[in-house]
Amino acid sequence: MKTFKVLFTAFTLLIFGLNAQAQGKKTESIKIKTSAVCNMCKATIEKGMAYEKGVQKAELDVASQMLTVQYRADKTNVETLRTAVNQLGYDADEAVANEKAYNKLDDCCKKDKGVH
């Protein structure tokens, strides 16, 4: 019986410890309007955002040009995420794409082509 109490106490402490740790890792979500126009843009942005610290998930809806990013607020922030999109060659809300990165995009990914 004594062994059971010790195991039960250890298990309870473990559960409370994991719960407290999970609460400290808050995930937030943001929507960013991009200049992406095609599925190649989608692949580029989603792959690029996967390498950003704190990003849990990034998904681009090409038709609306909206990028939804789930991220850990203790690891990154909204401005860093917008800058990451800019560094990939795309506009992010009002922030204009990095010119050098934009010029490296394939012609189909240029924002003057329109969504296709």
PDB file of N, CA and C in Angstrom:
ATOM      1  N   MET A   1       0.817  -1.188   0.000  1.00  0.00           N
ATOM      2  CA  MET A   1       0.000   0.000   0.000  1.00  0.00           C
ATOM      3  C   MET A   1       0.864   1.256   0.000  1.00  0.00           C
ATOM      4  N   LYS A   2       1.968   1.199   0.702  1.00  0.00           N
ATOM      5  CA  LYS A   2       2.861   2.347   0.775  1.00  0.00           C
ATOM      6  C   LYS A   2       3.462   2.639  -0.603  1.00  0.00           C
ATOM      7  N   THR A   3       3.804   1.599  -1.352  1.00  0.00           N
ATOM      8  CA  THR A   3       4.348   1.753  -2.695  1.00  0.00           C
ATOM      9  C   THR A   3       3.320   2.410  -3.610  1.00  0.00           C
ATOM     10  N   PHE A   4       2.065   2.021  -3.450  1.00  0.00           N
ATOM     11  CA  PHE A   4       0.998   2.612  -4.253  1.00  0.00           C
ATOM     12  C   PHE A   4       0.883   4.115  -3.988  1.00  0.00           C
ATOM     13  N   LYS A   5       0.955   4.533  -2.737  1.00  0.00           N
ATOM     14  CA  LYS A   5       0.864   5.956  -2.382  1.00  0.00           C
ATOM     15  C   LYS A   5       2.032   6.734  -2.987  1.00  0.00           C
ATOM     16  N   VAL A   6       3.210   6.165  -2.926  1.00  0.00           N
ATOM     17  CA  VAL A   6       4.392   6.829  -3.488  1.00  0.00           C
ATOM     18  C   VAL A   6       4.244   6.976  -5.003  1.00  0.00           C
ATOM     19  N   LEU A   7       3.807   5.910  -5.677  1.00  0.00           N
ATOM     20  CA  LEU A   7       3.614   5.968  -7.129  1.00  0.00           C
ATOM     21  C   LEU A   7       2.507   6.943  -7.498  1.00  0.00           C
ATOM     22  N   PHE A   8       1.417   6.946  -6.742  1.00  0.00           N
ATOM     23  CA  PHE A   8       0.310   7.858  -7.006  1.00  0.00           C
ATOM     24  C   PHE A   8       0.762   9.312  -6.842  1.00  0.00           C
ATOM     25  N   THR A   9       1.512   9.598  -5.808  1.00  0.00           N
ATOM     26  CA  THR A   9       2.025  10.952  -5.561  1.00  0.00           C
ATOM     27  C   THR A   9       2.965  11.370  -6.679  1.00  0.00           C
ATOM     28  N   ALA A  10       3.847  10.485  -7.084  1.00  0.00           N
ATOM     29  CA  ALA A  10       4.789  10.800  -8.167  1.00  0.00           C
ATOM     30  C   ALA A  10       4.040  11.054  -9.470  1.00  0.00           C
ATOM     31  N   PHE A  11       3.051  10.242  -9.767  1.00  0.00           N
ATOM     32  CA  PHE A  11       2.250  10.404 -10.977  1.00  0.00           C
ATOM     33  C   PHE A  11       1.503  11.740 -10.953  1.00  0.00           C
ATOM     34  N   THR A  12       0.913  12.068  -9.819  1.00  0.00           N
ATOM     35  CA  THR A  12       0.173  13.326  -9.681  1.00  0.00           C
ATOM     36  C   THR A  12       1.099  14.521  -9.892  1.00  0.00           C
ATOM     37  N   LEU A  13       2.258  14.493  -9.303  1.00  0.00           N
ATOM     38  CA  LEU A  13       3.232  15.585  -9.476  1.00  0.00           C
ATOM     39  C   LEU A  13       3.674  15.705 -10.933  1.00  0.00           C
ATOM     40  N   LEU A  14       3.851  14.587 -11.587  1.00  0.00           N
ATOM     41  CA  LEU A  14       4.237  14.586 -12.991  1.00  0.00           C
ATOM     42  C   LEU A  14       3.159  15.234 -13.853  1.00  0.00           C
ATOM     43  N   ILE A  15       1.924  14.878 -13.644  1.00  0.00           N
ATOM     44  CA  ILE A  15       0.806  15.440 -14.411  1.00  0.00           C
ATOM     45  C   ILE A  15       0.708  16.947 -14.184  1.00  0.00           C
ATOM     46  N   PHE A  16       0.776  17.393 -12.938  1.00  0.00           N
ATOM     47  CA  PHE A  16       0.710  18.831 -12.659  1.00  0.00           C
ATOM     48  C   PHE A  16       1.904  19.565 -13.256  1.00  0.00           C
ATOM     49  N   GLY A  17       3.056  18.949 -13.242  1.00  0.00           N
ATOM     50  CA  GLY A  17       4.252  19.568 -13.827  1.00  0.00           C
ATOM     51  C   GLY A  17       4.133  19.727 -15.333  1.00  0.00           C
ATOM     52  N   LEU A  18       3.636  18.700 -16.005  1.00  0.00           N
ATOM     53  CA  LEU A  18       3.447  18.778 -17.448  1.00  0.00           C
ATOM     54  C   LEU A  18       2.379  19.800 -17.810  1.00  0.00           C
ATOM     55  N   ASN A  19       1.335  19.892 -17.030  1.00  0.00           N
ATOM     56  CA  ASN A  19       0.272  20.857 -17.273  1.00  0.00           C
ATOM     57  C   ASN A  19       0.807  22.283 -17.124  1.00  0.00           C
ATOM     58  N   ALA A  20       1.585  22.539 -16.094  1.00  0.00           N
ATOM     59  CA  ALA A  20       2.156  23.871 -15.892  1.00  0.00           C
ATOM     60  C   ALA A  20       3.116  24.222 -17.024  1.00  0.00           C
ATOM     61  N   GLN A  21       3.878  23.257 -17.493  1.00  0.00           N
ATOM     62  CA  GLN A  21       4.812  23.489 -18.588  1.00  0.00           C
ATOM     63  C   GLN A  21       4.050  23.792 -19.874  1.00  0.00           C
ATOM     64  N   ALA A  22       2.976  23.086 -20.146  1.00  0.00           N
ATOM     65  CA  ALA A  22       2.178  23.306 -21.354  1.00  0.00           C
ATOM     66  C   ALA A  22       1.519  24.682 -21.332  1.00  0.00           C
ATOM     67  N   GLN A  23       1.108  25.148 -20.164  1.00  0.00           N
ATOM     68  CA  GLN A  23       0.468  26.446 -20.071  1.00  0.00           C
ATOM     69  C   GLN A  23       1.444  27.572 -20.394  1.00  0.00           C
ATOM     70  N   GLY A  24       2.719  27.394 -20.155  1.00  0.00           N
ATOM     71  CA  GLY A  24       3.721  28.410 -20.438  1.00  0.00           C
ATOM     72  C   GLY A  24       4.033  28.527 -21.921  1.00  0.00           C
ATOM     73  N   LYS A  25       3.606  27.575 -22.730  1.00  0.00           N
ATOM     74  CA  LYS A  25       3.893  27.564 -24.162  1.00  0.00           C
ATOM     75  C   LYS A  25       2.638  27.933 -24.938  1.00  0.00           C
ATOM     76  N   LYS A  26       2.240  29.173 -24.828  1.00  0.00           N
ATOM     77  CA  LYS A  26       1.008  29.634 -25.458  1.00  0.00           C
ATOM     78  C   LYS A  26       1.187  29.775 -26.968  1.00  0.00           C
ATOM     79  N   THR A  27       0.242  29.211 -27.692  1.00  0.00           N
ATOM     80  CA  THR A  27       0.246  29.318 -29.149  1.00  0.00           C
ATOM     81  C   THR A  27      -0.755  30.378 -29.559  1.00  0.00           C
ATOM     82  N   GLU A  28      -0.330  31.261 -30.456  1.00  0.00           N
ATOM     83  CA  GLU A  28      -1.199  32.300 -30.985  1.00  0.00           C
ATOM     84  C   GLU A  28      -1.307  32.134 -32.490  1.00  0.00           C
ATOM     85  N   SER A  29      -2.238  32.853 -33.080  1.00  0.00           N
ATOM     86  CA  SER A  29      -2.457  32.770 -34.514  1.00  0.00           C
ATOM     87  C   SER A  29      -2.595  34.175 -35.082  1.00  0.00           C
ATOM     88  N   ILE A  30      -2.087  34.357 -36.297  1.00  0.00           N
ATOM     89  CA  ILE A  30      -2.194  35.640 -36.979  1.00  0.00           C
ATOM     90  C   ILE A  30      -2.488  35.386 -38.446  1.00  0.00           C
ATOM     91  N   LYS A  31      -3.196  36.310 -39.053  1.00  0.00           N
ATOM     92  CA  LYS A  31      -3.433  36.274 -40.492  1.00  0.00           C
ATOM     93  C   LYS A  31      -2.667  37.433 -41.110  1.00  0.00           C
ATOM     94  N   ILE A  32      -1.909  37.130 -42.165  1.00  0.00           N
ATOM     95  CA  ILE A  32      -1.095  38.124 -42.861  1.00  0.00           C
ATOM     96  C   ILE A  32      -1.507  38.146 -44.321  1.00  0.00           C
ATOM     97  N   LYS A  33      -1.849  39.311 -44.826  1.00  0.00           N
ATOM     98  CA  LYS A  33      -2.180  39.476 -46.251  1.00  0.00           C
ATOM     99  C   LYS A  33      -0.866  39.523 -47.023  1.00  0.00           C
ATOM    100  N   THR A  34      -0.727  38.642 -48.001  1.00  0.00           N
ATOM    101  CA  THR A  34       0.507  38.546 -48.773  1.00  0.00           C
ATOM    102  C   THR A  34       0.269  38.966 -50.223  1.00  0.00           C
ATOM    103  N   SER A  35       1.338  38.980 -50.992  1.00  0.00           N
ATOM    104  CA  SER A  35       1.249  39.244 -52.434  1.00  0.00           C
ATOM    105  C   SER A  35       1.404  37.953 -53.234  1.00  0.00           C
ATOM    106  N   ALA A  36       1.238  36.809 -52.576  1.00  0.00           N
ATOM    107  CA  ALA A  36       1.371  35.505 -53.235  1.00  0.00           C
ATOM    108  C   ALA A  36       0.273  35.333 -54.276  1.00  0.00           C
ATOM    109  N   VAL A  37       0.616  34.712 -55.418  1.00  0.00           N
ATOM    110  CA  VAL A  37      -0.345  34.606 -56.513  1.00  0.00           C
ATOM    111  C   VAL A  37      -0.558  33.198 -57.056  1.00  0.00           C
ATOM    112  N   CYS A  38       0.252  32.220 -56.630  1.00  0.00           N
ATOM    113  CA  CYS A  38       0.118  30.886 -57.211  1.00  0.00           C
ATOM    114  C   CYS A  38       0.532  29.810 -56.209  1.00  0.00           C
ATOM    115  N   ASN A  39       0.398  28.569 -56.632  1.00  0.00           N
ATOM    116  CA  ASN A  39       0.751  27.450 -55.750  1.00  0.00           C
ATOM    117  C   ASN A  39       2.251  27.351 -55.512  1.00  0.00           C
ATOM    118  N   MET A  40       3.046  27.873 -56.433  1.00  0.00           N
ATOM    119  CA  MET A  40       4.482  27.906 -56.210  1.00  0.00           C
ATOM    120  C   MET A  40       4.802  28.879 -55.064  1.00  0.00           C
ATOM    121  N   CYS A  41       4.086  29.995 -55.033  1.00  0.00           N
ATOM    122  CA  CYS A  41       4.225  30.945 -53.928  1.00  0.00           C
ATOM    123  C   CYS A  41       3.853  30.262 -52.612  1.00  0.00           C
ATOM    124  N   LYS A  42       2.750  29.527 -52.641  1.00  0.00           N
ATOM    125  CA  LYS A  42       2.266  28.802 -51.460  1.00  0.00           C
ATOM    126  C   LYS A  42       3.363  27.900 -50.913  1.00  0.00           C
ATOM    127  N   ALA A  43       3.976  27.124 -51.789  1.00  0.00           N
ATOM    128  CA  ALA A  43       5.031  26.204 -51.371  1.00  0.00           C
ATOM    129  C   ALA A  43       6.223  26.963 -50.795  1.00  0.00           C
ATOM    130  N   THR A  44       6.607  28.042 -51.443  1.00  0.00           N
ATOM    131  CA  THR A  44       7.753  28.833 -50.993  1.00  0.00           C
ATOM    132  C   THR A  44       7.511  29.425 -49.610  1.00  0.00           C
ATOM    133  N   ILE A  45       6.346  30.024 -49.430  1.00  0.00           N
ATOM    134  CA  ILE A  45       6.040  30.678 -48.153  1.00  0.00           C
ATOM    135  C   ILE A  45       5.888  29.653 -47.034  1.00  0.00           C
ATOM    136  N   GLU A  46       5.134  28.610 -47.269  1.00  0.00           N
ATOM    137  CA  GLU A  46       4.913  27.613 -46.219  1.00  0.00           C
ATOM    138  C   GLU A  46       6.215  26.932 -45.812  1.00  0.00           C
ATOM    139  N   LYS A  47       7.058  26.635 -46.777  1.00  0.00           N
ATOM    140  CA  LYS A  47       8.351  26.015 -46.463  1.00  0.00           C
ATOM    141  C   LYS A  47       9.254  26.994 -45.719  1.00  0.00           C
ATOM    142  N   GLY A  48       9.293  28.232 -46.195  1.00  0.00           N
ATOM    143  CA  GLY A  48      10.130  29.240 -45.543  1.00  0.00           C
ATOM    144  C   GLY A  48       9.703  29.514 -44.113  1.00  0.00           C
ATOM    145  N   MET A  49       8.404  29.580 -43.882  1.00  0.00           N
ATOM    146  CA  MET A  49       7.905  29.853 -42.534  1.00  0.00           C
ATOM    147  C   MET A  49       8.152  28.678 -41.588  1.00  0.00           C
ATOM    148  N   ALA A  50       8.236  27.476 -42.132  1.00  0.00           N
ATOM    149  CA  ALA A  50       8.502  26.302 -41.304  1.00  0.00           C
ATOM    150  C   ALA A  50       9.872  26.388 -40.632  1.00  0.00           C
ATOM    151  N   TYR A  51      10.791  27.144 -41.224  1.00  0.00           N
ATOM    152  CA  TYR A  51      12.128  27.289 -40.664  1.00  0.00           C
ATOM    153  C   TYR A  51      12.222  28.432 -39.651  1.00  0.00           C
ATOM    154  N   GLU A  52      11.171  29.211 -39.493  1.00  0.00           N
ATOM    155  CA  GLU A  52      11.180  30.318 -38.550  1.00  0.00           C
ATOM    156  C   GLU A  52      10.996  29.815 -37.126  1.00  0.00           C
ATOM    157  N   LYS A  53      11.793  30.327 -36.233  1.00  0.00           N
ATOM    158  CA  LYS A  53      11.727  29.944 -34.830  1.00  0.00           C
ATOM    159  C   LYS A  53      10.345  30.264 -34.266  1.00  0.00           C
ATOM    160  N   GLY A  54       9.744  29.308 -33.603  1.00  0.00           N
ATOM    161  CA  GLY A  54       8.466  29.505 -32.945  1.00  0.00           C
ATOM    162  C   GLY A  54       7.251  29.207 -33.794  1.00  0.00           C
ATOM    163  N   VAL A  55       7.431  29.037 -35.101  1.00  0.00           N
ATOM    164  CA  VAL A  55       6.285  28.776 -35.969  1.00  0.00           C
ATOM    165  C   VAL A  55       5.875  27.320 -35.825  1.00  0.00           C
ATOM    166  N   GLN A  56       4.615  27.117 -35.491  1.00  0.00           N
ATOM    167  CA  GLN A  56       4.058  25.779 -35.346  1.00  0.00           C
ATOM    168  C   GLN A  56       3.446  25.301 -36.658  1.00  0.00           C
ATOM    169  N   LYS A  57       2.785  26.220 -37.376  1.00  0.00           N
ATOM    170  CA  LYS A  57       2.123  25.876 -38.625  1.00  0.00           C
ATOM    171  C   LYS A  57       1.921  27.143 -39.440  1.00  0.00           C
ATOM    172  N   ALA A  58       2.090  27.032 -40.751  1.00  0.00           N
ATOM    173  CA  ALA A  58       1.823  28.148 -41.659  1.00  0.00           C
ATOM    174  C   ALA A  58       1.067  27.603 -42.855  1.00  0.00           C
ATOM    175  N   GLU A  59      -0.039  28.250 -43.186  1.00  0.00           N
ATOM    176  CA  GLU A  59      -0.856  27.798 -44.305  1.00  0.00           C
ATOM    177  C   GLU A  59      -1.333  29.010 -45.101  1.00  0.00           C
ATOM    178  N   LEU A  60      -1.071  28.985 -46.404  1.00  0.00           N
ATOM    179  CA  LEU A  60      -1.462  30.072 -47.294  1.00  0.00           C
ATOM    180  C   LEU A  60      -2.671  29.673 -48.119  1.00  0.00           C
ATOM    181  N   ASP A  61      -3.692  30.527 -48.122  1.00  0.00           N
ATOM    182  CA  ASP A  61      -4.831  30.370 -49.014  1.00  0.00           C
ATOM    183  C   ASP A  61      -4.558  31.272 -50.216  1.00  0.00           C
ATOM    184  N   VAL A  62      -4.229  30.670 -51.351  1.00  0.00           N
ATOM    185  CA  VAL A  62      -3.821  31.437 -52.533  1.00  0.00           C
ATOM    186  C   VAL A  62      -4.939  32.351 -53.017  1.00  0.00           C
ATOM    187  N   ALA A  63      -6.168  31.869 -53.035  1.00  0.00           N
ATOM    188  CA  ALA A  63      -7.287  32.666 -53.561  1.00  0.00           C
ATOM    189  C   ALA A  63      -7.464  33.981 -52.816  1.00  0.00           C
ATOM    190  N   SER A  64      -7.325  33.954 -51.500  1.00  0.00           N
ATOM    191  CA  SER A  64      -7.483  35.181 -50.712  1.00  0.00           C
ATOM    192  C   SER A  64      -6.144  35.849 -50.404  1.00  0.00           C
ATOM    193  N   GLN A  65      -5.056  35.167 -50.699  1.00  0.00           N
ATOM    194  CA  GLN A  65      -3.691  35.627 -50.430  1.00  0.00           C
ATOM    195  C   GLN A  65      -3.416  35.785 -48.931  1.00  0.00           C
ATOM    196  N   MET A  66      -4.176  35.077 -48.110  1.00  0.00           N
ATOM    197  CA  MET A  66      -4.032  35.175 -46.657  1.00  0.00           C
ATOM    198  C   MET A  66      -3.186  34.020 -46.122  1.00  0.00           C
ATOM    199  N   LEU A  67      -2.180  34.396 -45.362  1.00  0.00           N
ATOM    200  CA  LEU A  67      -1.312  33.435 -44.699  1.00  0.00           C
ATOM    201  C   LEU A  67      -1.731  33.364 -43.238  1.00  0.00           C
ATOM    202  N   THR A  68      -2.050  32.173 -42.778  1.00  0.00           N
ATOM    203  CA  THR A  68      -2.385  31.961 -41.375  1.00  0.00           C
ATOM    204  C   THR A  68      -1.200  31.276 -40.721  1.00  0.00           C
ATOM    205  N   VAL A  69      -0.684  31.899 -39.662  1.00  0.00           N
ATOM    206  CA  VAL A  69       0.484  31.369 -38.969  1.00  0.00           C
ATOM    207  C   VAL A  69       0.128  31.115 -37.516  1.00  0.00           C
ATOM    208  N   GLN A  70       0.374  29.897 -37.063  1.00  0.00           N
ATOM    209  CA  GLN A  70       0.266  29.561 -35.649  1.00  0.00           C
ATOM    210  C   GLN A  70       1.688  29.547 -35.117  1.00  0.00           C
ATOM    211  N   TYR A  71       1.893  30.280 -34.036  1.00  0.00           N
ATOM    212  CA  TYR A  71       3.254  30.435 -33.513  1.00  0.00           C
ATOM    213  C   TYR A  71       3.245  30.514 -31.995  1.00  0.00           C
ATOM    214  N   ARG A  72       4.411  30.263 -31.427  1.00  0.00           N
ATOM    215  CA  ARG A  72       4.590  30.386 -29.983  1.00  0.00           C
ATOM    216  C   ARG A  72       5.018  31.810 -29.675  1.00  0.00           C
ATOM    217  N   ALA A  73       4.200  32.500 -28.898  1.00  0.00           N
ATOM    218  CA  ALA A  73       4.451  33.901 -28.571  1.00  0.00           C
ATOM    219  C   ALA A  73       5.714  34.083 -27.733  1.00  0.00           C
ATOM    220  N   ASP A  74       6.165  33.044 -27.055  1.00  0.00           N
ATOM    221  CA  ASP A  74       7.387  33.158 -26.264  1.00  0.00           C
ATOM    222  C   ASP A  74       8.641  32.978 -27.122  1.00  0.00           C
ATOM    223  N   LYS A  75       8.467  32.623 -28.393  1.00  0.00           N
ATOM    224  CA  LYS A  75       9.606  32.396 -29.288  1.00  0.00           C
ATOM    225  C   LYS A  75       9.729  33.439 -30.398  1.00  0.00           C
ATOM    226  N   THR A  76       8.616  34.060 -30.793  1.00  0.00           N
ATOM    227  CA  THR A  76       8.648  35.021 -31.898  1.00  0.00           C
ATOM    228  C   THR A  76       7.511  36.017 -31.721  1.00  0.00           C
ATOM    229  N   ASN A  77       7.423  36.980 -32.647  1.00  0.00           N
ATOM    230  CA  ASN A  77       6.350  37.971 -32.577  1.00  0.00           C
ATOM    231  C   ASN A  77       5.868  38.297 -33.986  1.00  0.00           C
ATOM    232  N   VAL A  78       4.816  39.077 -34.069  1.00  0.00           N
ATOM    233  CA  VAL A  78       4.168  39.383 -35.341  1.00  0.00           C
ATOM    234  C   VAL A  78       5.121  40.097 -36.302  1.00  0.00           C
ATOM    235  N   GLU A  79       5.861  41.060 -35.831  1.00  0.00           N
ATOM    236  CA  GLU A  79       6.778  41.795 -36.713  1.00  0.00           C
ATOM    237  C   GLU A  79       7.861  40.889 -37.292  1.00  0.00           C
ATOM    238  N   THR A  80       8.366  39.974 -36.503  1.00  0.00           N
ATOM    239  CA  THR A  80       9.365  39.021 -36.993  1.00  0.00           C
ATOM    240  C   THR A  80       8.768  38.133 -38.076  1.00  0.00           C
ATOM    241  N   LEU A  81       7.521  37.731 -37.904  1.00  0.00           N
ATOM    242  CA  LEU A  81       6.856  36.893 -38.899  1.00  0.00           C
ATOM    243  C   LEU A  81       6.632  37.659 -40.199  1.00  0.00           C
ATOM    244  N   ARG A  82       6.218  38.916 -40.105  1.00  0.00           N
ATOM    245  CA  ARG A  82       6.042  39.734 -41.313  1.00  0.00           C
ATOM    246  C   ARG A  82       7.380  39.929 -42.030  1.00  0.00           C
ATOM    247  N   THR A  83       8.412  40.184 -41.272  1.00  0.00           N
ATOM    248  CA  THR A  83       9.745  40.352 -41.861  1.00  0.00           C
ATOM    249  C   THR A  83      10.184  39.077 -42.569  1.00  0.00           C
ATOM    250  N   ALA A  84       9.877  37.923 -41.999  1.00  0.00           N
ATOM    251  CA  ALA A  84      10.234  36.647 -42.623  1.00  0.00           C
ATOM    252  C   ALA A  84       9.540  36.504 -43.972  1.00  0.00           C
ATOM    253  N   VAL A  85       8.272  36.900 -44.058  1.00  0.00           N
ATOM    254  CA  VAL A  85       7.543  36.851 -45.328  1.00  0.00           C
ATOM    255  C   VAL A  85       8.195  37.810 -46.329  1.00  0.00           C
ATOM    256  N   ASN A  86       8.552  39.001 -45.873  1.00  0.00           N
ATOM    257  CA  ASN A  86       9.228  39.977 -46.740  1.00  0.00           C
ATOM    258  C   ASN A  86      10.545  39.438 -47.272  1.00  0.00           C
ATOM    259  N   GLN A  87      11.293  38.739 -46.429  1.00  0.00           N
ATOM    260  CA  GLN A  87      12.589  38.192 -46.833  1.00  0.00           C
ATOM    261  C   GLN A  87      12.442  37.052 -47.839  1.00  0.00           C
ATOM    262  N   LEU A  88      11.248  36.485 -47.933  1.00  0.00           N
ATOM    263  CA  LEU A  88      10.982  35.452 -48.936  1.00  0.00           C
ATOM    264  C   LEU A  88      10.609  36.064 -50.285  1.00  0.00           C
ATOM    265  N   GLY A  89      10.382  37.394 -50.301  1.00  0.00           N
ATOM    266  CA  GLY A  89      10.080  38.085 -51.552  1.00  0.00           C
ATOM    267  C   GLY A  89       8.629  38.509 -51.706  1.00  0.00           C
ATOM    268  N   TYR A  90       7.870  38.448 -50.634  1.00  0.00           N
ATOM    269  CA  TYR A  90       6.441  38.750 -50.689  1.00  0.00           C
ATOM    270  C   TYR A  90       6.080  39.893 -49.745  1.00  0.00           C
ATOM    271  N   ASP A  91       5.057  40.659 -50.124  1.00  0.00           N
ATOM    272  CA  ASP A  91       4.511  41.677 -49.237  1.00  0.00           C
ATOM    273  C   ASP A  91       3.834  40.975 -48.064  1.00  0.00           C
ATOM    274  N   ALA A  92       3.858  41.635 -46.913  1.00  0.00           N
ATOM    275  CA  ALA A  92       3.188  41.126 -45.718  1.00  0.00           C
ATOM    276  C   ALA A  92       2.421  42.278 -45.094  1.00  0.00           C
ATOM    277  N   ASP A  93       1.105  42.267 -45.284  1.00  0.00           N
ATOM    278  CA  ASP A  93       0.251  43.384 -44.894  1.00  0.00           C
ATOM    279  C   ASP A  93       0.776  44.644 -45.590  1.00  0.00           C
ATOM    280  N   GLU A  94       1.111  45.682 -44.848  1.00  0.00           N
ATOM    281  CA  GLU A  94       1.592  46.917 -45.477  1.00  0.00           C
ATOM    282  C   GLU A  94       3.105  46.898 -45.741  1.00  0.00           C
ATOM    283  N   ALA A  95       3.804  45.938 -45.197  1.00  0.00           N
ATOM    284  CA  ALA A  95       5.260  45.846 -45.362  1.00  0.00           C
ATOM    285  C   ALA A  95       5.600  45.282 -46.741  1.00  0.00           C
ATOM    286  N   VAL A  96       6.366  46.044 -47.491  1.00  0.00           N
ATOM    287  CA  VAL A  96       6.716  45.665 -48.867  1.00  0.00           C
ATOM    288  C   VAL A  96       7.829  44.621 -48.865  1.00  0.00           C
ATOM    289  N   ALA A  97       7.763  43.732 -49.842  1.00  0.00           N
ATOM    290  CA  ALA A  97       8.744  42.649 -49.980  1.00  0.00           C
ATOM    291  C   ALA A  97      10.159  43.185 -50.126  1.00  0.00           C
ATOM    292  N   ASN A  98      11.116  42.401 -49.665  1.00  0.00           N
ATOM    293  CA  ASN A  98      12.522  42.695 -49.877  1.00  0.00           C
ATOM    294  C   ASN A  98      12.774  42.670 -51.383  1.00  0.00           C
ATOM    295  N   GLU A  99      13.304  43.769 -51.933  1.00  0.00           N
ATOM    296  CA  GLU A  99      13.451  43.900 -53.386  1.00  0.00           C
ATOM    297  C   GLU A  99      14.350  42.822 -53.990  1.00  0.00           C
ATOM    298  N   LYS A 100      15.450  42.541 -53.329  1.00  0.00           N
ATOM    299  CA  LYS A 100      16.379  41.531 -53.843  1.00  0.00           C
ATOM    300  C   LYS A 100      15.718  40.150 -53.885  1.00  0.00           C
ATOM    301  N   ALA A 101      14.996  39.814 -52.831  1.00  0.00           N
ATOM    302  CA  ALA A 101      14.300  38.521 -52.784  1.00  0.00           C
ATOM    303  C   ALA A 101      13.172  38.479 -53.810  1.00  0.00           C
ATOM    304  N   TYR A 102      12.449  39.594 -53.964  1.00  0.00           N
ATOM    305  CA  TYR A 102      11.355  39.650 -54.934  1.00  0.00           C
ATOM    306  C   TYR A 102      11.885  39.424 -56.349  1.00  0.00           C
ATOM    307  N   ASN A 103      13.002  40.022 -56.677  1.00  0.00           N
ATOM    308  CA  ASN A 103      13.583  39.891 -58.015  1.00  0.00           C
ATOM    309  C   ASN A 103      14.038  38.461 -58.312  1.00  0.00           C
ATOM    310  N   LYS A 104      14.280  37.670 -57.282  1.00  0.00           N
ATOM    311  CA  LYS A 104      14.696  36.279 -57.473  1.00  0.00           C
ATOM    312  C   LYS A 104      13.517  35.334 -57.681  1.00  0.00           C
ATOM    313  N   LEU A 105      12.299  35.811 -57.425  1.00  0.00           N
ATOM    314  CA  LEU A 105      11.116  34.958 -57.604  1.00  0.00           C
ATOM    315  C   LEU A 105      10.928  34.623 -59.078  1.00  0.00           C
ATOM    316  N   ASP A 106      10.341  33.454 -59.342  1.00  0.00           N
ATOM    317  CA  ASP A 106       9.979  33.100 -60.716  1.00  0.00           C
ATOM    318  C   ASP A 106       8.975  34.114 -61.245  1.00  0.00           C
ATOM    319  N   ASP A 107       8.914  34.266 -62.559  1.00  0.00           N
ATOM    320  CA  ASP A 107       8.009  35.245 -63.163  1.00  0.00           C
ATOM    321  C   ASP A 107       6.550  35.010 -62.783  1.00  0.00           C
ATOM    322  N   CYS A 108       6.156  33.753 -62.630  1.00  0.00           N
ATOM    323  CA  CYS A 108       4.758  33.469 -62.284  1.00  0.00           C
ATOM    324  C   CYS A 108       4.415  33.951 -60.878  1.00  0.00           C
ATOM    325  N   CYS A 109       5.422  34.192 -60.056  1.00  0.00           N
ATOM    326  CA  CYS A 109       5.194  34.609 -58.677  1.00  0.00           C
ATOM    327  C   CYS A 109       5.222  36.133 -58.487  1.00  0.00           C
ATOM    328  N   LYS A 110       5.431  36.869 -59.539  1.00  0.00           N
ATOM    329  CA  LYS A 110       5.454  38.333 -59.429  1.00  0.00           C
ATOM    330  C   LYS A 110       4.035  38.835 -59.174  1.00  0.00           C
ATOM    331  N   LYS A 111       3.900  39.814 -58.298  1.00  0.00           N
ATOM    332  CA  LYS A 111       2.574  40.249 -57.885  1.00  0.00           C
ATOM    333  C   LYS A 111       1.779  40.923 -59.000  1.00  0.00           C
ATOM    334  N   ASP A 112       2.438  41.384 -60.052  1.00  0.00           N
ATOM    335  CA  ASP A 112       1.703  41.995 -61.160  1.00  0.00           C
ATOM    336  C   ASP A 112       1.005  40.950 -62.045  1.00  0.00           C
ATOM    337  N   LYS A 113       1.268  39.668 -61.814  1.00  0.00           N
ATOM    338  CA  LYS A 113       0.624  38.583 -62.575  1.00  0.00           C
ATOM    339  C   LYS A 113      -0.791  38.323 -62.097  1.00  0.00           C
ATOM    340  N   GLY A 114      -1.112  38.741 -60.886  1.00  0.00           N
ATOM    341  CA  GLY A 114      -2.437  38.482 -60.323  1.00  0.00           C
ATOM    342  C   GLY A 114      -2.571  37.034 -59.882  1.00  0.00           C
ATOM    343  N   VAL A 115      -3.559  36.785 -59.062  1.00  0.00           N
ATOM    344  CA  VAL A 115      -3.786  35.426 -58.559  1.00  0.00           C
ATOM    345  C   VAL A 115      -4.212  34.535 -59.718  1.00  0.00           C
ATOM    346  N   HIS A 116      -3.552  33.386 -59.814  1.00  0.00           N
ATOM    347  CA  HIS A 116      -3.882  32.436 -60.900  1.00  0.00           C
ATOM    348  C   HIS A 116      -3.739  30.996 -60.428  1.00  0.00           C
TER     349      HIS A 116
END
